[in-house]
């Protein structure tokens, strides 16, 4: 059974047992998390959400992704050169139940 759900402004397609990296959630490690904004369940499509459907998961860990470098540069002006780093926080979730 597959489902498409929405979390953090993004859509994810999952099945039971999948491990998904989501935008950081407020839940603690080991907690159960329920996603009620299910857009599609197998071939059943909702408008906009499938009524009564939910995806349950278990929070495995929180962390930060690999660092990326952001360069800002404006031509012909030496004062506007800027280098920044960014690490996006994430939550690792294992999908336990779809229903």
N, C-alpha and C. Protein backbone atom coordinates (compact mmCIF):
# COMPACT_ATOMS: atom_id res chain seq x y z
N UNK A 1 0.85 -1.18 0.00
CA UNK A 1 0.00 0.00 0.00
C UNK A 1 0.89 1.24 0.00
N UNK A 2 0.60 2.17 -0.88
CA UNK A 2 1.37 3.41 -0.98
C UNK A 2 0.47 4.58 -0.64
N UNK A 3 1.10 5.65 -0.16
CA UNK A 3 0.36 6.86 0.17
C UNK A 3 1.22 8.08 -0.16
N UNK A 4 0.56 9.18 -0.47
CA UNK A 4 1.21 10.46 -0.67
C UNK A 4 0.70 11.38 0.42
N UNK A 5 1.62 11.92 1.24
CA UNK A 5 1.20 12.84 2.29
C UNK A 5 2.01 14.12 2.21
N UNK A 6 1.52 15.14 2.91
CA UNK A 6 2.14 16.46 2.87
C UNK A 6 2.70 16.80 4.25
N UNK A 7 3.95 17.27 4.27
CA UNK A 7 4.59 17.68 5.52
C UNK A 7 5.62 18.76 5.21
N UNK A 8 5.54 19.87 5.90
CA UNK A 8 6.50 20.93 5.72
C UNK A 8 6.47 21.56 4.34
N UNK A 9 5.30 21.58 3.70
CA UNK A 9 5.17 22.18 2.38
C UNK A 9 5.64 21.29 1.25
N UNK A 10 6.01 20.05 1.54
CA UNK A 10 6.47 19.12 0.52
C UNK A 10 5.59 17.87 0.54
N UNK A 11 5.59 17.15 -0.56
CA UNK A 11 4.81 15.92 -0.67
C UNK A 11 5.76 14.73 -0.75
N UNK A 12 5.40 13.65 -0.06
CA UNK A 12 6.23 12.46 0.00
C UNK A 12 5.39 11.24 -0.36
N UNK A 13 5.94 10.34 -1.18
CA UNK A 13 5.26 9.08 -1.50
C UNK A 13 5.98 7.99 -0.71
N UNK A 14 5.20 7.23 0.09
CA UNK A 14 5.78 6.26 1.01
C UNK A 14 4.97 4.97 1.02
N UNK A 15 5.59 3.93 1.54
CA UNK A 15 4.91 2.68 1.86
C UNK A 15 5.40 2.25 3.24
N UNK A 16 4.79 1.24 3.80
CA UNK A 16 5.14 0.80 5.15
C UNK A 16 6.58 0.30 5.18
N UNK A 17 7.34 0.76 6.17
CA UNK A 17 8.74 0.36 6.32
C UNK A 17 9.73 1.33 5.71
N UNK A 18 9.26 2.32 4.96
CA UNK A 18 10.16 3.31 4.36
C UNK A 18 10.72 4.25 5.42
N UNK A 19 11.92 4.74 5.18
CA UNK A 19 12.55 5.74 6.03
C UNK A 19 12.63 7.03 5.23
N UNK A 20 12.08 8.12 5.80
CA UNK A 20 11.96 9.39 5.09
C UNK A 20 12.65 10.48 5.90
N UNK A 21 13.34 11.38 5.19
CA UNK A 21 13.95 12.55 5.82
C UNK A 21 13.04 13.74 5.57
N UNK A 22 12.44 14.27 6.64
CA UNK A 22 11.50 15.38 6.55
C UNK A 22 12.12 16.65 7.10
N UNK A 23 11.46 17.78 6.84
CA UNK A 23 11.88 19.01 7.50
C UNK A 23 11.67 18.83 8.99
N UNK A 24 12.44 19.53 9.80
CA UNK A 24 12.47 19.28 11.24
C UNK A 24 11.09 19.37 11.87
N UNK A 25 10.74 18.34 12.66
CA UNK A 25 9.48 18.28 13.39
C UNK A 25 9.75 18.52 14.88
N UNK A 26 8.72 18.92 15.61
CA UNK A 26 8.86 19.25 17.03
C UNK A 26 8.85 18.01 17.93
N UNK A 27 8.55 16.83 17.39
CA UNK A 27 8.48 15.62 18.18
C UNK A 27 9.86 15.16 18.64
N UNK A 28 9.90 14.44 19.77
CA UNK A 28 11.16 13.91 20.30
C UNK A 28 11.47 12.56 19.66
N UNK A 29 12.72 12.14 19.80
CA UNK A 29 13.13 10.84 19.26
C UNK A 29 12.37 9.71 19.95
N UNK A 30 11.88 8.77 19.17
CA UNK A 30 11.11 7.65 19.70
C UNK A 30 9.61 7.91 19.76
N UNK A 31 9.18 9.15 19.56
CA UNK A 31 7.76 9.48 19.59
C UNK A 31 7.07 9.01 18.32
N UNK A 32 5.75 8.83 18.43
CA UNK A 32 4.92 8.50 17.29
C UNK A 32 4.44 9.80 16.66
N UNK A 33 4.45 9.88 15.35
CA UNK A 33 3.97 11.07 14.64
C UNK A 33 2.90 10.64 13.65
N UNK A 34 1.83 11.42 13.54
CA UNK A 34 0.71 11.10 12.65
C UNK A 34 0.55 12.22 11.64
N UNK A 35 0.50 11.86 10.35
CA UNK A 35 0.28 12.80 9.27
C UNK A 35 -1.14 12.60 8.76
N UNK A 36 -1.99 13.60 8.94
CA UNK A 36 -3.39 13.46 8.54
C UNK A 36 -3.68 14.10 7.18
N UNK A 37 -2.72 14.82 6.63
CA UNK A 37 -2.91 15.45 5.32
C UNK A 37 -2.47 14.48 4.22
N UNK A 38 -3.28 13.46 3.98
CA UNK A 38 -2.99 12.44 2.98
C UNK A 38 -3.66 12.84 1.68
N UNK A 39 -2.87 12.98 0.61
CA UNK A 39 -3.37 13.41 -0.69
C UNK A 39 -3.84 12.24 -1.55
N UNK A 40 -3.19 11.08 -1.39
CA UNK A 40 -3.56 9.92 -2.20
C UNK A 40 -3.26 8.65 -1.41
N UNK A 41 -4.16 7.70 -1.48
CA UNK A 41 -4.00 6.41 -0.82
C UNK A 41 -4.24 5.33 -1.86
N UNK A 42 -3.18 4.59 -2.24
CA UNK A 42 -3.18 3.68 -3.39
C UNK A 42 -3.65 4.44 -4.62
N UNK A 43 -4.83 4.16 -5.14
CA UNK A 43 -5.32 4.90 -6.31
C UNK A 43 -6.46 5.83 -5.94
N UNK A 44 -6.79 5.88 -4.67
CA UNK A 44 -7.88 6.75 -4.20
C UNK A 44 -7.35 8.17 -4.00
N UNK A 45 -7.85 9.11 -4.81
CA UNK A 45 -7.38 10.49 -4.77
C UNK A 45 -8.39 11.34 -4.04
N UNK A 46 -7.91 12.22 -3.15
CA UNK A 46 -8.79 13.10 -2.39
C UNK A 46 -8.89 14.46 -3.03
N UNK A 47 -9.82 15.26 -2.53
CA UNK A 47 -10.01 16.61 -3.06
C UNK A 47 -10.15 17.59 -1.91
N UNK A 48 -9.14 18.21 -1.34
CA UNK A 48 -7.72 17.99 -1.61
C UNK A 48 -7.14 16.83 -0.82
N UNK A 49 -7.79 16.42 0.30
CA UNK A 49 -7.24 15.34 1.12
C UNK A 49 -8.20 14.17 1.15
N UNK A 50 -7.67 12.96 1.35
CA UNK A 50 -8.49 11.76 1.50
C UNK A 50 -9.05 11.78 2.91
N UNK A 51 -10.38 11.72 3.01
CA UNK A 51 -11.01 11.82 4.34
C UNK A 51 -10.80 10.53 5.13
N UNK A 52 -10.43 10.70 6.40
CA UNK A 52 -10.24 9.56 7.29
C UNK A 52 -8.93 8.82 7.14
N UNK A 53 -8.08 9.22 6.20
CA UNK A 53 -6.81 8.53 5.99
C UNK A 53 -5.71 9.20 6.81
N UNK A 54 -4.76 8.38 7.28
CA UNK A 54 -3.62 8.93 8.00
C UNK A 54 -2.41 8.03 7.82
N UNK A 55 -1.25 8.64 7.96
CA UNK A 55 0.02 7.92 7.87
C UNK A 55 0.71 8.09 9.22
N UNK A 56 1.11 6.96 9.81
CA UNK A 56 1.77 7.00 11.11
C UNK A 56 3.23 6.61 10.95
N UNK A 57 4.07 7.23 11.78
CA UNK A 57 5.49 6.94 11.73
C UNK A 57 6.13 7.09 13.10
N UNK A 58 7.40 6.71 13.17
CA UNK A 58 8.16 6.80 14.41
C UNK A 58 9.39 7.66 14.13
N UNK A 59 9.64 8.65 14.99
CA UNK A 59 10.79 9.53 14.84
C UNK A 59 12.04 8.76 15.26
N UNK A 60 12.99 8.62 14.33
CA UNK A 60 14.23 7.90 14.63
C UNK A 60 15.30 8.83 15.17
N UNK A 61 15.49 9.99 14.51
CA UNK A 61 16.50 10.93 14.99
C UNK A 61 16.32 12.29 14.35
N UNK A 62 16.96 13.29 14.95
CA UNK A 62 17.04 14.63 14.41
C UNK A 62 18.50 14.89 14.03
N UNK A 63 18.71 15.75 13.07
CA UNK A 63 20.08 16.06 12.68
C UNK A 63 20.14 17.21 11.71
N UNK A 64 21.34 17.43 11.18
CA UNK A 64 21.55 18.46 10.18
C UNK A 64 22.21 17.83 8.96
N UNK A 65 21.83 18.31 7.78
CA UNK A 65 22.39 17.79 6.56
C UNK A 65 23.80 18.32 6.34
N UNK A 66 24.43 17.86 5.29
CA UNK A 66 25.77 18.28 4.93
C UNK A 66 25.79 19.78 4.63
N UNK A 67 26.86 20.44 5.00
CA UNK A 67 26.97 21.89 4.81
C UNK A 67 27.11 22.25 3.33
N UNK A 68 26.38 23.28 2.93
CA UNK A 68 26.53 23.82 1.58
C UNK A 68 27.09 25.23 1.70
N UNK A 69 27.78 25.66 0.68
CA UNK A 69 28.35 27.01 0.62
C UNK A 69 27.48 27.87 -0.28
N UNK A 70 27.20 29.08 0.19
CA UNK A 70 26.41 30.04 -0.57
C UNK A 70 27.31 31.23 -0.85
N UNK A 71 27.51 31.55 -2.13
CA UNK A 71 28.33 32.68 -2.53
C UNK A 71 27.45 33.78 -3.09
N UNK A 72 27.68 34.99 -2.63
CA UNK A 72 27.00 36.15 -3.20
C UNK A 72 28.08 37.06 -3.75
N UNK A 73 27.90 37.48 -4.98
CA UNK A 73 28.93 38.25 -5.66
C UNK A 73 28.27 39.26 -6.58
N UNK A 74 28.73 40.48 -6.51
CA UNK A 74 28.28 41.51 -7.45
C UNK A 74 29.48 41.98 -8.24
N UNK A 75 29.33 41.98 -9.53
CA UNK A 75 30.42 42.34 -10.43
C UNK A 75 30.82 43.81 -10.25
N UNK A 76 32.10 44.07 -10.32
CA UNK A 76 32.69 45.42 -10.29
C UNK A 76 32.51 46.15 -8.97
N UNK A 77 32.21 45.45 -7.89
CA UNK A 77 32.23 46.11 -6.59
C UNK A 77 32.88 45.15 -5.60
N UNK A 78 34.00 45.53 -5.08
CA UNK A 78 34.79 44.63 -4.24
C UNK A 78 34.18 44.43 -2.85
N UNK A 79 33.30 45.31 -2.44
CA UNK A 79 32.76 45.21 -1.09
C UNK A 79 31.62 44.21 -0.96
N UNK A 80 31.04 43.77 -2.06
CA UNK A 80 29.86 42.90 -2.00
C UNK A 80 30.18 41.45 -2.31
N UNK A 81 31.21 40.91 -1.68
CA UNK A 81 31.52 39.48 -1.83
C UNK A 81 31.24 38.82 -0.48
N UNK A 82 30.36 37.84 -0.49
CA UNK A 82 29.91 37.24 0.75
C UNK A 82 29.87 35.72 0.62
N UNK A 83 30.39 35.03 1.59
CA UNK A 83 30.33 33.57 1.64
C UNK A 83 29.59 33.17 2.91
N UNK A 84 28.60 32.31 2.74
CA UNK A 84 27.84 31.81 3.87
C UNK A 84 27.77 30.29 3.79
N UNK A 85 27.57 29.66 4.93
CA UNK A 85 27.35 28.23 4.98
C UNK A 85 25.95 27.97 5.52
N UNK A 86 25.36 26.84 5.13
CA UNK A 86 24.01 26.51 5.62
C UNK A 86 23.91 25.00 5.79
N UNK A 87 23.33 24.59 6.93
CA UNK A 87 23.03 23.19 7.20
C UNK A 87 21.55 23.08 7.53
N UNK A 88 20.79 22.39 6.68
CA UNK A 88 19.35 22.27 6.85
C UNK A 88 19.04 21.22 7.92
N UNK A 89 18.24 21.56 8.94
CA UNK A 89 17.85 20.56 9.93
C UNK A 89 16.81 19.58 9.36
N UNK A 90 16.86 18.34 9.81
CA UNK A 90 15.92 17.33 9.33
C UNK A 90 15.48 16.43 10.47
N UNK A 91 14.41 15.67 10.21
CA UNK A 91 13.94 14.63 11.12
C UNK A 91 13.82 13.34 10.31
N UNK A 92 14.42 12.27 10.81
CA UNK A 92 14.37 10.97 10.15
C UNK A 92 13.20 10.19 10.72
N UNK A 93 12.26 9.78 9.86
CA UNK A 93 11.02 9.12 10.28
C UNK A 93 10.88 7.79 9.55
N UNK A 94 10.52 6.74 10.32
CA UNK A 94 10.21 5.44 9.72
C UNK A 94 8.70 5.30 9.69
N UNK A 95 8.14 4.97 8.53
CA UNK A 95 6.69 4.81 8.35
C UNK A 95 6.28 3.44 8.91
N UNK A 96 5.34 3.46 9.87
CA UNK A 96 4.92 2.21 10.51
C UNK A 96 3.54 1.73 10.09
N UNK A 97 2.64 2.66 9.74
CA UNK A 97 1.28 2.26 9.43
C UNK A 97 0.65 3.25 8.47
N UNK A 98 -0.11 2.72 7.50
CA UNK A 98 -0.88 3.54 6.58
C UNK A 98 -2.32 3.08 6.66
N UNK A 99 -3.23 3.99 6.88
CA UNK A 99 -4.64 3.58 6.99
C UNK A 99 -5.60 4.72 6.83
